[in-house]
Amino acid sequence: MIAVLQAMDDRLLRDIGIFRYDIERVVDGIEERELGMVPFAPKQIARVEDQNTLRQAA
């Protein structure tokens, strides 16, 4: 995890609330329970590739 975070640029790290000098502290502070969490994301909406289908729907 440290290597992944160190590979990110500073802007991306700031976006997720981590400063480069804090990477090791943040990773060391992650609890075992948090490592087992599964990301939650809503189902993705199917993309319609055919513009004709969109016109017919309208």
N, C-alpha and C. Protein backbone atom coordinates (compact mmCIF):
# COMPACT_ATOMS: atom_id res chain seq x y z
N MET A 1 0.83 -1.19 0.00
CA MET A 1 0.00 0.00 0.00
C MET A 1 0.88 1.26 0.00
N ILE A 2 1.98 1.20 0.73
CA ILE A 2 2.89 2.34 0.76
C ILE A 2 3.43 2.63 -0.63
N ALA A 3 3.83 1.60 -1.36
CA ALA A 3 4.37 1.78 -2.70
C ALA A 3 3.33 2.39 -3.65
N VAL A 4 2.09 1.96 -3.52
CA VAL A 4 1.02 2.50 -4.37
C VAL A 4 0.81 3.98 -4.09
N LEU A 5 0.75 4.33 -2.81
CA LEU A 5 0.56 5.74 -2.46
C LEU A 5 1.75 6.59 -2.86
N GLN A 6 2.96 6.07 -2.71
CA GLN A 6 4.15 6.82 -3.09
C GLN A 6 4.22 7.04 -4.60
N ALA A 7 3.60 6.15 -5.36
CA ALA A 7 3.61 6.28 -6.82
C ALA A 7 2.63 7.36 -7.31
N MET A 8 1.70 7.78 -6.44
CA MET A 8 0.73 8.81 -6.82
C MET A 8 1.38 10.19 -6.79
N ASP A 9 0.86 11.08 -7.63
CA ASP A 9 1.40 12.44 -7.60
C ASP A 9 0.81 13.20 -6.41
N ASP A 10 1.45 14.31 -6.06
CA ASP A 10 1.08 15.07 -4.87
C ASP A 10 -0.36 15.58 -4.92
N ARG A 11 -0.81 15.95 -6.10
CA ARG A 11 -2.19 16.46 -6.24
C ARG A 11 -3.21 15.38 -5.89
N LEU A 12 -2.99 14.18 -6.40
CA LEU A 12 -3.91 13.08 -6.11
C LEU A 12 -3.88 12.74 -4.63
N LEU A 13 -2.70 12.72 -4.04
CA LEU A 13 -2.61 12.47 -2.60
C LEU A 13 -3.39 13.51 -1.81
N ARG A 14 -3.25 14.78 -2.18
CA ARG A 14 -3.99 15.84 -1.48
C ARG A 14 -5.49 15.65 -1.65
N ASP A 15 -5.91 15.19 -2.84
CA ASP A 15 -7.34 14.96 -3.08
C ASP A 15 -7.92 13.92 -2.13
N ILE A 16 -7.12 12.93 -1.74
CA ILE A 16 -7.61 11.92 -0.83
C ILE A 16 -7.22 12.23 0.62
N GLY A 17 -6.61 13.39 0.83
CA GLY A 17 -6.35 13.85 2.19
C GLY A 17 -5.07 13.34 2.82
N ILE A 18 -4.10 12.99 1.99
CA ILE A 18 -2.83 12.49 2.50
C ILE A 18 -1.69 13.36 1.95
N PHE A 19 -0.75 13.71 2.83
CA PHE A 19 0.46 14.39 2.39
C PHE A 19 1.55 13.34 2.25
N ARG A 20 2.46 13.54 1.30
CA ARG A 20 3.50 12.56 1.01
C ARG A 20 4.27 12.16 2.27
N TYR A 21 4.59 13.11 3.12
CA TYR A 21 5.36 12.80 4.33
C TYR A 21 4.55 11.99 5.34
N ASP A 22 3.26 11.87 5.15
CA ASP A 22 2.38 11.16 6.08
C ASP A 22 2.01 9.75 5.62
N ILE A 23 2.48 9.32 4.47
CA ILE A 23 2.06 8.05 3.90
C ILE A 23 2.28 6.89 4.87
N GLU A 24 3.48 6.76 5.41
CA GLU A 24 3.77 5.62 6.29
C GLU A 24 2.90 5.65 7.55
N ARG A 25 2.69 6.83 8.11
CA ARG A 25 1.85 6.94 9.31
C ARG A 25 0.42 6.53 9.00
N VAL A 26 -0.09 6.97 7.86
CA VAL A 26 -1.47 6.64 7.48
C VAL A 26 -1.62 5.13 7.28
N VAL A 27 -0.68 4.52 6.57
CA VAL A 27 -0.76 3.09 6.31
C VAL A 27 -0.61 2.30 7.62
N ASP A 28 0.31 2.73 8.48
CA ASP A 28 0.49 2.05 9.77
C ASP A 28 -0.75 2.16 10.64
N GLY A 29 -1.55 3.20 10.44
CA GLY A 29 -2.75 3.41 11.24
C GLY A 29 -3.97 2.67 10.76
N ILE A 30 -3.87 2.02 9.61
CA ILE A 30 -5.01 1.27 9.08
C ILE A 30 -5.18 0.00 9.90
N GLU A 31 -6.39 -0.23 10.35
CA GLU A 31 -6.68 -1.40 11.16
C GLU A 31 -7.02 -2.60 10.29
N GLU A 32 -6.85 -3.76 10.84
CA GLU A 32 -7.14 -5.00 10.12
C GLU A 32 -8.58 -5.01 9.60
N ARG A 33 -9.51 -4.49 10.37
CA ARG A 33 -10.93 -4.43 9.97
C ARG A 33 -11.10 -3.62 8.69
N GLU A 34 -10.35 -2.53 8.58
CA GLU A 34 -10.47 -1.66 7.41
C GLU A 34 -9.90 -2.33 6.16
N LEU A 35 -8.89 -3.16 6.32
CA LEU A 35 -8.31 -3.84 5.17
C LEU A 35 -9.27 -4.83 4.54
N GLY A 36 -10.22 -5.34 5.31
CA GLY A 36 -11.18 -6.30 4.81
C GLY A 36 -12.43 -5.67 4.21
N MET A 37 -12.51 -4.36 4.23
CA MET A 37 -13.71 -3.69 3.70
C MET A 37 -13.77 -3.80 2.19
N VAL A 38 -14.97 -3.91 1.69
CA VAL A 38 -15.22 -3.98 0.26
C VAL A 38 -15.80 -2.64 -0.19
N PRO A 39 -15.23 -2.03 -1.23
CA PRO A 39 -15.76 -0.74 -1.69
C PRO A 39 -17.23 -0.89 -2.12
N PHE A 40 -18.02 0.12 -1.82
CA PHE A 40 -19.41 0.14 -2.24
C PHE A 40 -19.54 1.09 -3.42
N ALA A 41 -20.14 0.62 -4.47
CA ALA A 41 -20.38 1.46 -5.63
C ALA A 41 -21.74 1.08 -6.21
N PRO A 42 -22.51 2.08 -6.63
CA PRO A 42 -23.79 1.75 -7.25
C PRO A 42 -23.56 1.03 -8.58
N LYS A 43 -24.56 0.29 -8.99
CA LYS A 43 -24.45 -0.39 -10.27
C LYS A 43 -24.25 0.64 -11.37
N GLN A 44 -23.37 0.30 -12.27
CA GLN A 44 -23.10 1.21 -13.38
C GLN A 44 -24.24 1.16 -14.39
N ILE A 45 -24.53 2.30 -14.97
CA ILE A 45 -25.56 2.38 -16.00
C ILE A 45 -24.94 1.90 -17.31
N ALA A 46 -25.64 1.04 -17.97
CA ALA A 46 -25.14 0.51 -19.24
C ALA A 46 -24.99 1.65 -20.24
N ARG A 47 -23.89 1.64 -20.96
CA ARG A 47 -23.65 2.67 -21.97
C ARG A 47 -24.31 2.27 -23.28
N VAL A 48 -24.91 3.20 -23.91
CA VAL A 48 -25.53 2.95 -25.21
C VAL A 48 -24.55 3.44 -26.27
N GLU A 49 -24.03 2.53 -27.05
CA GLU A 49 -23.02 2.86 -28.04
C GLU A 49 -23.64 3.35 -29.36
N ASP A 50 -24.85 2.97 -29.62
CA ASP A 50 -25.49 3.27 -30.90
C ASP A 50 -26.32 4.54 -30.78
N GLN A 51 -25.93 5.58 -31.49
CA GLN A 51 -26.66 6.85 -31.45
C GLN A 51 -28.10 6.71 -31.97
N ASN A 52 -28.34 5.78 -32.89
CA ASN A 52 -29.69 5.57 -33.41
C ASN A 52 -30.62 5.09 -32.29
N THR A 53 -30.11 4.28 -31.39
CA THR A 53 -30.90 3.80 -30.28
C THR A 53 -31.33 4.99 -29.41
N LEU A 54 -30.44 5.92 -29.20
CA LEU A 54 -30.77 7.11 -28.42
C LEU A 54 -31.84 7.95 -29.10
N ARG A 55 -31.74 8.09 -30.41
CA ARG A 55 -32.74 8.88 -31.14
C ARG A 55 -34.10 8.21 -31.07
N GLN A 56 -34.14 6.89 -31.19
CA GLN A 56 -35.40 6.17 -31.13
C GLN A 56 -36.03 6.30 -29.75
N ALA A 57 -35.22 6.32 -28.72
CA ALA A 57 -35.73 6.43 -27.35
C ALA A 57 -36.33 7.79 -27.10
N ALA A 58 -35.79 8.81 -27.75
CA ALA A 58 -36.30 10.18 -27.53
C ALA A 58 -37.60 10.32 -28.27
